[in-house]
PDB file of N, CA and C in Angstrom:
ATOM      1  N   UNK A   1       0.834  -1.185   0.000  1.00  0.00           N
ATOM      2  CA  UNK A   1       0.000   0.000   0.000  1.00  0.00           C
ATOM      3  C   UNK A   1       0.872   1.238   0.000  1.00  0.00           C
ATOM      4  N   UNK A   2       0.379   2.276  -0.623  1.00  0.00           N
ATOM      5  CA  UNK A   2       1.095   3.545  -0.703  1.00  0.00           C
ATOM      6  C   UNK A   2       0.326   4.596   0.104  1.00  0.00           C
ATOM      7  N   UNK A   3       1.063   5.302   0.936  1.00  0.00           N
ATOM      8  CA  UNK A   3       0.491   6.351   1.765  1.00  0.00           C
ATOM      9  C   UNK A   3       1.232   7.645   1.499  1.00  0.00           C
ATOM     10  N   UNK A   4       0.475   8.705   1.198  1.00  0.00           N
ATOM     11  CA  UNK A   4       1.079  10.026   1.004  1.00  0.00           C
ATOM     12  C   UNK A   4       1.673  10.528   2.316  1.00  0.00           C
ATOM     13  N   UNK A   5       0.986  10.235   3.403  1.00  0.00           N
ATOM     14  CA  UNK A   5       1.451  10.641   4.721  1.00  0.00           C
ATOM     15  C   UNK A   5       1.042   9.554   5.709  1.00  0.00           C
ATOM     16  N   UNK A   6       1.972   9.132   6.518  1.00  0.00           N
ATOM     17  CA  UNK A   6       1.702   8.073   7.482  1.00  0.00           C
ATOM     18  C   UNK A   6       2.573   8.309   8.702  1.00  0.00           C
ATOM     19  N   UNK A   7       1.956   8.411   9.853  1.00  0.00           N
ATOM     20  CA  UNK A   7       2.732   8.591  11.077  1.00  0.00           C
ATOM     21  C   UNK A   7       3.706   7.432  11.231  1.00  0.00           C
ATOM     22  N   UNK A   8       4.912   7.738  11.684  1.00  0.00           N
ATOM     23  CA  UNK A   8       5.957   6.719  11.809  1.00  0.00           C
ATOM     24  C   UNK A   8       5.534   5.536  12.676  1.00  0.00           C
ATOM     25  N   UNK A   9       4.748   5.759  13.678  1.00  0.00           N
ATOM     26  CA  UNK A   9       4.312   4.675  14.557  1.00  0.00           C
ATOM     27  C   UNK A   9       3.602   3.557  13.805  1.00  0.00           C
ATOM     28  N   UNK A  10       2.858   3.906  12.749  1.00  0.00           N
ATOM     29  CA  UNK A  10       2.156   2.882  11.969  1.00  0.00           C
ATOM     30  C   UNK A  10       3.135   1.978  11.235  1.00  0.00           C
ATOM     31  N   UNK A  11       4.124   2.586  10.561  1.00  0.00           N
ATOM     32  CA  UNK A  11       5.020   1.697   9.825  1.00  0.00           C
ATOM     33  C   UNK A  11       6.016   0.997  10.741  1.00  0.00           C
ATOM     34  N   UNK A  12       6.338   1.575  11.883  1.00  0.00           N
ATOM     35  CA  UNK A  12       7.192   0.869  12.849  1.00  0.00           C
ATOM     36  C   UNK A  12       6.461  -0.368  13.371  1.00  0.00           C
ATOM     37  N   UNK A  13       5.165  -0.253  13.597  1.00  0.00           N
ATOM     38  CA  UNK A  13       4.387  -1.420  14.023  1.00  0.00           C
ATOM     39  C   UNK A  13       4.396  -2.492  12.935  1.00  0.00           C
ATOM     40  N   UNK A  14       4.321  -2.084  11.682  1.00  0.00           N
ATOM     41  CA  UNK A  14       4.418  -3.022  10.563  1.00  0.00           C
ATOM     42  C   UNK A  14       5.783  -3.727  10.578  1.00  0.00           C
ATOM     43  N   UNK A  15       6.846  -3.000  10.876  1.00  0.00           N
ATOM     44  CA  UNK A  15       8.195  -3.588  10.947  1.00  0.00           C
ATOM     45  C   UNK A  15       8.256  -4.638  12.049  1.00  0.00           C
ATOM     46  N   UNK A  16       7.653  -4.325  13.176  1.00  0.00           N
ATOM     47  CA  UNK A  16       7.626  -5.258  14.307  1.00  0.00           C
ATOM     48  C   UNK A  16       6.979  -6.587  13.897  1.00  0.00           C
ATOM     49  N   UNK A  17       6.019  -6.504  12.995  1.00  0.00           N
ATOM     50  CA  UNK A  17       5.315  -7.703  12.522  1.00  0.00           C
ATOM     51  C   UNK A  17       5.998  -8.356  11.327  1.00  0.00           C
ATOM     52  N   UNK A  18       7.222  -7.935  11.029  1.00  0.00           N
ATOM     53  CA  UNK A  18       7.979  -8.554   9.941  1.00  0.00           C
ATOM     54  C   UNK A  18       7.839  -7.867   8.606  1.00  0.00           C
ATOM     55  N   UNK A  19       7.177  -6.728   8.567  1.00  0.00           N
ATOM     56  CA  UNK A  19       7.005  -5.985   7.326  1.00  0.00           C
ATOM     57  C   UNK A  19       8.215  -5.133   6.988  1.00  0.00           C
ATOM     58  N   UNK A  20       8.135  -4.478   5.845  1.00  0.00           N
ATOM     59  CA  UNK A  20       9.184  -3.576   5.376  1.00  0.00           C
ATOM     60  C   UNK A  20       8.525  -2.272   4.952  1.00  0.00           C
ATOM     61  N   UNK A  21       9.145  -1.160   5.288  1.00  0.00           N
ATOM     62  CA  UNK A  21       8.679   0.158   4.854  1.00  0.00           C
ATOM     63  C   UNK A  21       9.645   0.689   3.803  1.00  0.00           C
ATOM     64  N   UNK A  22       9.102   1.096   2.670  1.00  0.00           N
ATOM     65  CA  UNK A  22       9.878   1.739   1.620  1.00  0.00           C
ATOM     66  C   UNK A  22       9.490   3.206   1.651  1.00  0.00           C
ATOM     67  N   UNK A  23      10.425   4.038   2.065  1.00  0.00           N
ATOM     68  CA  UNK A  23      10.144   5.444   2.337  1.00  0.00           C
ATOM     69  C   UNK A  23      10.813   6.338   1.305  1.00  0.00           C
ATOM     70  N   UNK A  24      10.202   7.485   1.072  1.00  0.00           N
ATOM     71  CA  UNK A  24      10.799   8.456   0.159  1.00  0.00           C
ATOM     72  C   UNK A  24      10.622   9.855   0.733  1.00  0.00           C
ATOM     73  N   UNK A  25      11.539  10.737   0.358  1.00  0.00           N
ATOM     74  CA  UNK A  25      11.523  12.127   0.783  1.00  0.00           C
ATOM     75  C   UNK A  25      11.795  12.977  -0.447  1.00  0.00           C
ATOM     76  N   UNK A  26      10.734  13.517  -1.021  1.00  0.00           N
ATOM     77  CA  UNK A  26      10.837  14.269  -2.272  1.00  0.00           C
ATOM     78  C   UNK A  26       9.999  15.539  -2.189  1.00  0.00           C
ATOM     79  N   UNK A  27      10.502  16.587  -1.558  1.00  0.00           N
ATOM     80  CA  UNK A  27       9.713  17.813  -1.416  1.00  0.00           C
ATOM     81  C   UNK A  27       9.252  18.390  -2.759  1.00  0.00           C
ATOM     82  N   UNK A  28      10.050  18.234  -3.810  1.00  0.00           N
ATOM     83  CA  UNK A  28       9.684  18.769  -5.124  1.00  0.00           C
ATOM     84  C   UNK A  28       8.939  17.740  -5.975  1.00  0.00           C
ATOM     85  N   UNK A  29       8.679  16.561  -5.417  1.00  0.00           N
ATOM     86  CA  UNK A  29       8.009  15.505  -6.156  1.00  0.00           C
ATOM     87  C   UNK A  29       9.006  14.585  -6.841  1.00  0.00           C
ATOM     88  N   UNK A  30       8.660  13.317  -6.947  1.00  0.00           N
ATOM     89  CA  UNK A  30       9.523  12.329  -7.611  1.00  0.00           C
ATOM     90  C   UNK A  30       8.673  11.139  -8.056  1.00  0.00           C
ATOM     91  N   UNK A  31       7.793  11.343  -9.023  1.00  0.00           N
ATOM     92  CA  UNK A  31       6.899  10.263  -9.430  1.00  0.00           C
ATOM     93  C   UNK A  31       7.635   9.013  -9.916  1.00  0.00           C
ATOM     94  N   UNK A  32       8.816   9.179 -10.498  1.00  0.00           N
ATOM     95  CA  UNK A  32       9.589   8.016 -10.962  1.00  0.00           C
ATOM     96  C   UNK A  32      10.085   7.172  -9.787  1.00  0.00           C
ATOM     97  N   UNK A  33      10.504   7.806  -8.714  1.00  0.00           N
ATOM     98  CA  UNK A  33      10.963   7.090  -7.522  1.00  0.00           C
ATOM     99  C   UNK A  33       9.788   6.364  -6.869  1.00  0.00           C
ATOM    100  N   UNK A  34       8.664   7.051  -6.745  1.00  0.00           N
ATOM    101  CA  UNK A  34       7.480   6.434  -6.144  1.00  0.00           C
ATOM    102  C   UNK A  34       7.041   5.230  -6.980  1.00  0.00           C
ATOM    103  N   UNK A  35       7.030   5.385  -8.292  1.00  0.00           N
ATOM    104  CA  UNK A  35       6.645   4.274  -9.178  1.00  0.00           C
ATOM    105  C   UNK A  35       7.599   3.091  -9.013  1.00  0.00           C
ATOM    106  N   UNK A  36       8.895   3.362  -8.880  1.00  0.00           N
ATOM    107  CA  UNK A  36       9.868   2.281  -8.704  1.00  0.00           C
ATOM    108  C   UNK A  36       9.645   1.554  -7.376  1.00  0.00           C
ATOM    109  N   UNK A  37       9.365   2.300  -6.310  1.00  0.00           N
ATOM    110  CA  UNK A  37       9.085   1.676  -5.012  1.00  0.00           C
ATOM    111  C   UNK A  37       7.799   0.864  -5.069  1.00  0.00           C
ATOM    112  N   UNK A  38       6.784   1.388  -5.733  1.00  0.00           N
ATOM    113  CA  UNK A  38       5.532   0.631  -5.886  1.00  0.00           C
ATOM    114  C   UNK A  38       5.758  -0.635  -6.708  1.00  0.00           C
ATOM    115  N   UNK A  39       6.634  -0.571  -7.706  1.00  0.00           N
ATOM    116  CA  UNK A  39       6.962  -1.768  -8.497  1.00  0.00           C
ATOM    117  C   UNK A  39       7.617  -2.837  -7.626  1.00  0.00           C
ATOM    118  N   UNK A  40       8.498  -2.416  -6.717  1.00  0.00           N
ATOM    119  CA  UNK A  40       9.125  -3.376  -5.796  1.00  0.00           C
ATOM    120  C   UNK A  40       8.043  -4.083  -4.989  1.00  0.00           C
ATOM    121  N   UNK A  41       7.081  -3.320  -4.511  1.00  0.00           N
ATOM    122  CA  UNK A  41       5.985  -3.893  -3.735  1.00  0.00           C
ATOM    123  C   UNK A  41       5.141  -4.841  -4.581  1.00  0.00           C
ATOM    124  N   UNK A  42       4.794  -4.389  -5.778  1.00  0.00           N
ATOM    125  CA  UNK A  42       3.967  -5.207  -6.676  1.00  0.00           C
ATOM    126  C   UNK A  42       4.659  -6.507  -7.072  1.00  0.00           C
ATOM    127  N   UNK A  43       5.987  -6.456  -7.240  1.00  0.00           N
ATOM    128  CA  UNK A  43       6.744  -7.626  -7.679  1.00  0.00           C
ATOM    129  C   UNK A  43       7.164  -8.542  -6.532  1.00  0.00           C
ATOM    130  N   UNK A  44       6.931  -8.118  -5.304  1.00  0.00           N
ATOM    131  CA  UNK A  44       7.273  -8.959  -4.150  1.00  0.00           C
ATOM    132  C   UNK A  44       6.288 -10.127  -4.062  1.00  0.00           C
ATOM    133  N   UNK A  45       6.745 -11.197  -3.495  1.00  0.00           N
ATOM    134  CA  UNK A  45       5.904 -12.392  -3.352  1.00  0.00           C
ATOM    135  C   UNK A  45       4.682 -12.114  -2.487  1.00  0.00           C
ATOM    136  N   UNK A  46       3.618 -12.830  -2.792  1.00  0.00           N
ATOM    137  CA  UNK A  46       2.425 -12.780  -1.955  1.00  0.00           C
ATOM    138  C   UNK A  46       2.748 -13.533  -0.668  1.00  0.00           C
ATOM    139  N   UNK A  47       2.359 -12.962   0.448  1.00  0.00           N
ATOM    140  CA  UNK A  47       2.597 -13.565   1.758  1.00  0.00           C
ATOM    141  C   UNK A  47       1.418 -14.467   2.107  1.00  0.00           C
ATOM    142  N   UNK A  48       1.652 -15.763   2.175  1.00  0.00           N
ATOM    143  CA  UNK A  48       0.568 -16.725   2.433  1.00  0.00           C
ATOM    144  C   UNK A  48      -0.021 -16.590   3.837  1.00  0.00           C
ATOM    145  N   UNK A  49       0.662 -15.878   4.737  1.00  0.00           N
ATOM    146  CA  UNK A  49       0.112 -15.693   6.084  1.00  0.00           C
ATOM    147  C   UNK A  49      -0.849 -14.508   6.156  1.00  0.00           C
ATOM    148  N   UNK A  50      -0.908 -13.713   5.113  1.00  0.00           N
ATOM    149  CA  UNK A  50      -1.816 -12.561   5.083  1.00  0.00           C
ATOM    150  C   UNK A  50      -3.194 -12.991   4.598  1.00  0.00           C
ATOM    151  N   UNK A  51      -4.201 -12.241   5.002  1.00  0.00           N
ATOM    152  CA  UNK A  51      -5.562 -12.493   4.537  1.00  0.00           C
ATOM    153  C   UNK A  51      -6.010 -11.326   3.662  1.00  0.00           C
ATOM    154  N   UNK A  52      -6.794 -11.628   2.647  1.00  0.00           N
ATOM    155  CA  UNK A  52      -7.280 -10.599   1.726  1.00  0.00           C
ATOM    156  C   UNK A  52      -8.008  -9.512   2.501  1.00  0.00           C
ATOM    157  N   UNK A  53      -7.846  -8.291   2.135  1.00  0.00           N
ATOM    158  CA  UNK A  53      -7.204  -7.792   0.931  1.00  0.00           C
ATOM    159  C   UNK A  53      -5.698  -7.547   1.056  1.00  0.00           C
ATOM    160  N   UNK A  54      -5.100  -7.868   2.187  1.00  0.00           N
ATOM    161  CA  UNK A  54      -3.668  -7.638   2.380  1.00  0.00           C
ATOM    162  C   UNK A  54      -2.881  -8.673   1.576  1.00  0.00           C
ATOM    163  N   UNK A  55      -1.972  -8.200   0.734  1.00  0.00           N
ATOM    164  CA  UNK A  55      -1.156  -9.059  -0.124  1.00  0.00           C
ATOM    165  C   UNK A  55       0.176  -9.392   0.537  1.00  0.00           C
ATOM    166  N   UNK A  56       0.744  -8.407   1.222  1.00  0.00           N
ATOM    167  CA  UNK A  56       1.992  -8.571   1.969  1.00  0.00           C
ATOM    168  C   UNK A  56       2.117  -7.403   2.934  1.00  0.00           C
ATOM    169  N   UNK A  57       3.221  -7.372   3.663  1.00  0.00           N
ATOM    170  CA  UNK A  57       3.423  -6.344   4.696  1.00  0.00           C
ATOM    171  C   UNK A  57       4.442  -5.304   4.255  1.00  0.00           C
ATOM    172  N   UNK A  58       4.354  -4.876   3.016  1.00  0.00           N
ATOM    173  CA  UNK A  58       5.271  -3.869   2.479  1.00  0.00           C
ATOM    174  C   UNK A  58       4.489  -2.574   2.293  1.00  0.00           C
ATOM    175  N   UNK A  59       5.011  -1.512   2.874  1.00  0.00           N
ATOM    176  CA  UNK A  59       4.367  -0.204   2.825  1.00  0.00           C
ATOM    177  C   UNK A  59       5.274   0.765   2.075  1.00  0.00           C
ATOM    178  N   UNK A  60       4.697   1.555   1.195  1.00  0.00           N
ATOM    179  CA  UNK A  60       5.390   2.673   0.558  1.00  0.00           C
ATOM    180  C   UNK A  60       4.790   3.939   1.158  1.00  0.00           C
ATOM    181  N   UNK A  61       5.649   4.824   1.664  1.00  0.00           N
ATOM    182  CA  UNK A  61       5.138   6.035   2.309  1.00  0.00           C
ATOM    183  C   UNK A  61       6.128   7.180   2.192  1.00  0.00           C
ATOM    184  N   UNK A  62       5.582   8.369   2.118  1.00  0.00           N
ATOM    185  CA  UNK A  62       6.405   9.576   2.185  1.00  0.00           C
ATOM    186  C   UNK A  62       6.866   9.750   3.628  1.00  0.00           C
ATOM    187  N   UNK A  63       8.110  10.184   3.796  1.00  0.00           N
ATOM    188  CA  UNK A  63       8.617  10.491   5.139  1.00  0.00           C
ATOM    189  C   UNK A  63       9.417  11.785   5.065  1.00  0.00           C
ATOM    190  N   UNK A  64       8.757  12.923   5.230  1.00  0.00           N
ATOM    191  CA  UNK A  64       9.440  14.212   5.139  1.00  0.00           C
ATOM    192  C   UNK A  64      10.405  14.473   6.293  1.00  0.00           C
ATOM    193  N   UNK A  65      10.427  13.598   7.300  1.00  0.00           N
ATOM    194  CA  UNK A  65      11.341  13.776   8.424  1.00  0.00           C
ATOM    195  C   UNK A  65      12.718  13.156   8.170  1.00  0.00           C
ATOM    196  N   UNK A  66      12.875  12.466   7.037  1.00  0.00           N
ATOM    197  CA  UNK A  66      14.203  11.921   6.721  1.00  0.00           C
ATOM    198  C   UNK A  66      15.161  13.076   6.436  1.00  0.00           C
ATOM    199  N   UNK A  67      16.456  12.874   6.665  1.00  0.00           N
ATOM    200  CA  UNK A  67      17.422  13.925   6.348  1.00  0.00           C
ATOM    201  C   UNK A  67      17.305  14.337   4.881  1.00  0.00           C
ATOM    202  N   UNK A  68      17.529  15.610   4.572  1.00  0.00           N
ATOM    203  CA  UNK A  68      17.323  16.095   3.203  1.00  0.00           C
ATOM    204  C   UNK A  68      18.190  15.407   2.139  1.00  0.00           C
ATOM    205  N   UNK A  69      19.339  14.875   2.544  1.00  0.00           N
ATOM    206  CA  UNK A  69      20.214  14.202   1.568  1.00  0.00           C
ATOM    207  C   UNK A  69      19.757  12.776   1.256  1.00  0.00           C
ATOM    208  N   UNK A  70      18.791  12.259   2.010  1.00  0.00           N
ATOM    209  CA  UNK A  70      18.278  10.907   1.804  1.00  0.00           C
ATOM    210  C   UNK A  70      16.955  11.007   1.052  1.00  0.00           C
ATOM    211  N   UNK A  71      16.880  10.381  -0.126  1.00  0.00           N
ATOM    212  CA  UNK A  71      15.638  10.385  -0.894  1.00  0.00           C
ATOM    213  C   UNK A  71      14.853   9.090  -0.689  1.00  0.00           C
ATOM    214  N   UNK A  72      15.570   7.977  -0.471  1.00  0.00           N
ATOM    215  CA  UNK A  72      14.928   6.672  -0.365  1.00  0.00           C
ATOM    216  C   UNK A  72      15.493   5.928   0.840  1.00  0.00           C
ATOM    217  N   UNK A  73      14.598   5.245   1.555  1.00  0.00           N
ATOM    218  CA  UNK A  73      15.031   4.372   2.643  1.00  0.00           C
ATOM    219  C   UNK A  73      14.191   3.104   2.604  1.00  0.00           C
ATOM    220  N   UNK A  74      14.833   1.996   2.864  1.00  0.00           N
ATOM    221  CA  UNK A  74      14.139   0.720   3.057  1.00  0.00           C
ATOM    222  C   UNK A  74      14.410   0.341   4.503  1.00  0.00           C
ATOM    223  N   UNK A  75      13.346   0.070   5.254  1.00  0.00           N
ATOM    224  CA  UNK A  75      13.480  -0.163   6.686  1.00  0.00           C
ATOM    225  C   UNK A  75      12.771  -1.466   7.057  1.00  0.00           C
ATOM    226  N   UNK A  76      13.486  -2.318   7.772  1.00  0.00           N
ATOM    227  CA  UNK A  76      12.934  -3.540   8.342  1.00  0.00           C
ATOM    228  C   UNK A  76      13.311  -3.539   9.814  1.00  0.00           C
ATOM    229  N   UNK A  77      12.783  -4.475  10.580  1.00  0.00           N
ATOM    230  CA  UNK A  77      13.075  -4.509  12.015  1.00  0.00           C
ATOM    231  C   UNK A  77      14.579  -4.635  12.228  1.00  0.00           C
ATOM    232  N   UNK A  78      15.194  -3.614  12.809  1.00  0.00           N
ATOM    233  CA  UNK A  78      16.620  -3.628  13.121  1.00  0.00           C
ATOM    234  C   UNK A  78      17.538  -3.381  11.935  1.00  0.00           C
ATOM    235  N   UNK A  79      17.010  -3.044  10.767  1.00  0.00           N
ATOM    236  CA  UNK A  79      17.822  -2.846   9.564  1.00  0.00           C
ATOM    237  C   UNK A  79      17.336  -1.618   8.799  1.00  0.00           C
ATOM    238  N   UNK A  80      18.283  -0.819   8.311  1.00  0.00           N
ATOM    239  CA  UNK A  80      17.940   0.359   7.512  1.00  0.00           C
ATOM    240  C   UNK A  80      18.902   0.452   6.343  1.00  0.00           C
ATOM    241  N   UNK A  81      18.348   0.741   5.170  1.00  0.00           N
ATOM    242  CA  UNK A  81      19.160   1.011   3.984  1.00  0.00           C
ATOM    243  C   UNK A  81      18.719   2.375   3.463  1.00  0.00           C
ATOM    244  N   UNK A  82      19.657   3.278   3.231  1.00  0.00           N
ATOM    245  CA  UNK A  82      19.319   4.598   2.710  1.00  0.00           C
ATOM    246  C   UNK A  82      20.095   4.868   1.433  1.00  0.00           C
ATOM    247  N   UNK A  83      19.522   5.738   0.606  1.00  0.00           N
ATOM    248  CA  UNK A  83      20.168   6.094  -0.659  1.00  0.00           C
ATOM    249  C   UNK A  83      19.750   7.503  -1.065  1.00  0.00           C
ATOM    250  N   UNK A  84      20.557   8.122  -1.907  1.00  0.00           N
ATOM    251  CA  UNK A  84      20.247   9.464  -2.402  1.00  0.00           C
ATOM    252  C   UNK A  84      19.296   9.423  -3.589  1.00  0.00           C
ATOM    253  N   UNK A  85      19.033   8.229  -4.123  1.00  0.00           N
ATOM    254  CA  UNK A  85      18.087   8.034  -5.222  1.00  0.00           C
ATOM    255  C   UNK A  85      17.624   6.574  -5.185  1.00  0.00           C
ATOM    256  N   UNK A  86      16.659   6.232  -6.035  1.00  0.00           N
ATOM    257  CA  UNK A  86      16.209   4.848  -6.046  1.00  0.00           C
ATOM    258  C   UNK A  86      17.349   3.942  -6.502  1.00  0.00           C
ATOM    259  N   UNK A  87      17.488   2.819  -5.811  1.00  0.00           N
ATOM    260  CA  UNK A  87      18.503   1.814  -6.122  1.00  0.00           C
ATOM    261  C   UNK A  87      17.786   0.470  -6.206  1.00  0.00           C
ATOM    262  N   UNK A  88      17.976  -0.291  -7.287  1.00  0.00           N
ATOM    263  CA  UNK A  88      17.317  -1.591  -7.405  1.00  0.00           C
ATOM    264  C   UNK A  88      17.620  -2.544  -6.245  1.00  0.00           C
ATOM    265  N   UNK A  89      18.680  -2.275  -5.473  1.00  0.00           N
ATOM    266  CA  UNK A  89      18.988  -3.094  -4.302  1.00  0.00           C
ATOM    267  C   UNK A  89      17.810  -3.149  -3.332  1.00  0.00           C
ATOM    268  N   UNK A  90      16.930  -2.164  -3.381  1.00  0.00           N
ATOM    269  CA  UNK A  90      15.768  -2.135  -2.489  1.00  0.00           C
ATOM    270  C   UNK A  90      14.985  -3.451  -2.586  1.00  0.00           C
ATOM    271  N   UNK A  91      14.848  -3.999  -3.784  1.00  0.00           N
ATOM    272  CA  UNK A  91      14.120  -5.274  -3.953  1.00  0.00           C
ATOM    273  C   UNK A  91      14.831  -6.405  -3.220  1.00  0.00           C
ATOM    274  N   UNK A  92      16.153  -6.420  -3.255  1.00  0.00           N
ATOM    275  CA  UNK A  92      16.926  -7.435  -2.529  1.00  0.00           C
ATOM    276  C   UNK A  92      16.747  -7.246  -1.029  1.00  0.00           C
ATOM    277  N   UNK A  93      16.785  -6.007  -0.576  1.00  0.00           N
ATOM    278  CA  UNK A  93      16.567  -5.704   0.842  1.00  0.00           C
ATOM    279  C   UNK A  93      15.220  -6.276   1.290  1.00  0.00           C
ATOM    280  N   UNK A  94      14.176  -6.016   0.513  1.00  0.00           N
ATOM    281  CA  UNK A  94      12.844  -6.525   0.858  1.00  0.00           C
ATOM    282  C   UNK A  94      12.861  -8.046   0.929  1.00  0.00           C
ATOM    283  N   UNK A  95      13.419  -8.676  -0.068  1.00  0.00           N
ATOM    284  CA  UNK A  95      13.435 -10.147  -0.138  1.00  0.00           C
ATOM    285  C   UNK A  95      14.186 -10.772   1.039  1.00  0.00           C
ATOM    286  N   UNK A  96      15.284 -10.154   1.457  1.00  0.00           N
ATOM    287  CA  UNK A  96      16.116 -10.751   2.510  1.00  0.00           C
ATOM    288  C   UNK A  96      15.718 -10.325   3.922  1.00  0.00           C
ATOM    289  N   UNK A  97      14.977  -9.239   4.063  1.00  0.00           N
ATOM    290  CA  UNK A  97      14.629  -8.735   5.399  1.00  0.00           C
ATOM    291  C   UNK A  97      13.164  -8.953   5.768  1.00  0.00           C
ATOM    292  N   UNK A  98      12.350  -9.366   4.825  1.00  0.00           N
ATOM    293  CA  UNK A  98      10.925  -9.554   5.068  1.00  0.00           C
ATOM    294  C   UNK A  98      10.697 -10.715   6.042  1.00  0.00           C
ATOM    295  N   UNK A  99       9.748 -10.561   6.939  1.00  0.00           N
ATOM    296  CA  UNK A  99       9.358 -11.558   7.958  1.00  0.00           C
ATOM    297  C   UNK A  99      10.447 -11.793   9.002  1.00  0.00           C
ATOM    298  N   UNK A 100      11.214 -10.747   9.323  1.00  0.00           N
ATOM    299  CA  UNK A 100      12.245 -10.856  10.347  1.00  0.00           C
ATOM    300  C   UNK A 100      11.980  -9.918  11.520  1.00  0.00           C
ATOM    301  N   UNK A 101      10.720  -9.629  11.801  1.00  0.00           N
ATOM    302  CA  UNK A 101      10.374  -8.794  12.945  1.00  0.00           C
ATOM    303  C   UNK A 101      10.286  -9.618  14.211  1.00  0.00           C
ATOM    304  N   UNK A 102       9.900  -8.969  15.281  1.00  0.00           N
ATOM    305  CA  UNK A 102       9.774  -9.680  16.558  1.00  0.00           C
ATOM    306  C   UNK A 102       8.526 -10.542  16.615  1.00  0.00           C
ATOM    307  N   UNK A 103       7.531 -10.218  15.784  1.00  0.00           N
ATOM    308  CA  UNK A 103       6.289 -10.996  15.693  1.00  0.00           C
ATOM    309  C   UNK A 103       6.000 -11.235  14.222  1.00  0.00           C
ATOM    310  N   UNK A 104       6.010 -12.469  13.774  1.00  0.00           N
ATOM    311  CA  UNK A 104       5.707 -12.792  12.384  1.00  0.00           C
ATOM    312  C   UNK A 104       4.198 -12.915  12.259  1.00  0.00           C
ATOM    313  N   UNK A 105       3.549 -11.801  11.935  1.00  0.00           N
ATOM    314  CA  UNK A 105       2.106 -11.712  12.008  1.00  0.00           C
ATOM    315  C   UNK A 105       1.579 -10.866  10.864  1.00  0.00           C
ATOM    316  N   UNK A 106       0.559 -11.361  10.176  1.00  0.00           N
ATOM    317  CA  UNK A 106      -0.077 -10.593   9.117  1.00  0.00           C
ATOM    318  C   UNK A 106      -1.581 -10.784   9.218  1.00  0.00           C
ATOM    319  N   UNK A 107      -2.290  -9.679   9.213  1.00  0.00           N
ATOM    320  CA  UNK A 107      -3.749  -9.702   9.227  1.00  0.00           C
ATOM    321  C   UNK A 107      -4.241  -8.397   8.644  1.00  0.00           C
ATOM    322  N   UNK A 108      -5.521  -8.313   8.380  1.00  0.00           N
ATOM    323  CA  UNK A 108      -6.099  -7.093   7.814  1.00  0.00           C
ATOM    324  C   UNK A 108      -5.929  -5.925   8.769  1.00  0.00           C
ATOM    325  N   UNK A 109      -6.060  -6.142  10.055  1.00  0.00           N
ATOM    326  CA  UNK A 109      -5.844  -5.098  11.051  1.00  0.00           C
ATOM    327  C   UNK A 109      -6.828  -3.962  10.963  1.00  0.00           C
ATOM    328  N   UNK A 110      -6.463  -2.820  11.526  1.00  0.00           N
ATOM    329  CA  UNK A 110      -7.305  -1.646  11.534  1.00  0.00           C
ATOM    330  C   UNK A 110      -6.942  -0.734  10.368  1.00  0.00           C
ATOM    331  N   UNK A 111      -7.908  -0.036   9.806  1.00  0.00           N
ATOM    332  CA  UNK A 111      -7.603   0.889   8.714  1.00  0.00           C
ATOM    333  C   UNK A 111      -6.648   1.973   9.190  1.00  0.00           C
ATOM    334  N   UNK A 112      -5.728   2.365   8.322  1.00  0.00           N
ATOM    335  CA  UNK A 112      -4.777   3.434   8.633  1.00  0.00           C
ATOM    336  C   UNK A 112      -5.096   4.617   7.733  1.00  0.00           C
ATOM    337  N   UNK A 113      -5.528   5.693   8.303  1.00  0.00           N
ATOM    338  CA  UNK A 113      -5.865   6.864   7.486  1.00  0.00           C
ATOM    339  C   UNK A 113      -4.632   7.690   7.186  1.00  0.00           C
ATOM    340  N   UNK A 114      -3.606   7.602   8.042  1.00  0.00           N
ATOM    341  CA  UNK A 114      -2.343   8.282   7.805  1.00  0.00           C
ATOM    342  C   UNK A 114      -2.405   9.757   7.834  1.00  0.00           C
TER     343      UNK A 114
END
């Protein structure tokens, strides 16, 4: 799922459950970066522990609180990868860090308005 704005507590809770947050910081806009992050999410495997409509625990969200020199971050429980632009390594990060939170849990949960 993609969120224009999402309080950090929501995606940190997702990390705790083994999810990954793909974050971007683009004050002037960066539709190509957002599209690339959404592609990573779309191309990630379906998580068999999730129930519809949830496909997996990967979130794409804007994070204007990231340092200005960081445009992209991939965050999992206890792991952070940052870059000044989109890097295809993000897909590898997702693949290797997914489901490594303190609670391996996926459910529809509560709606997040962000």
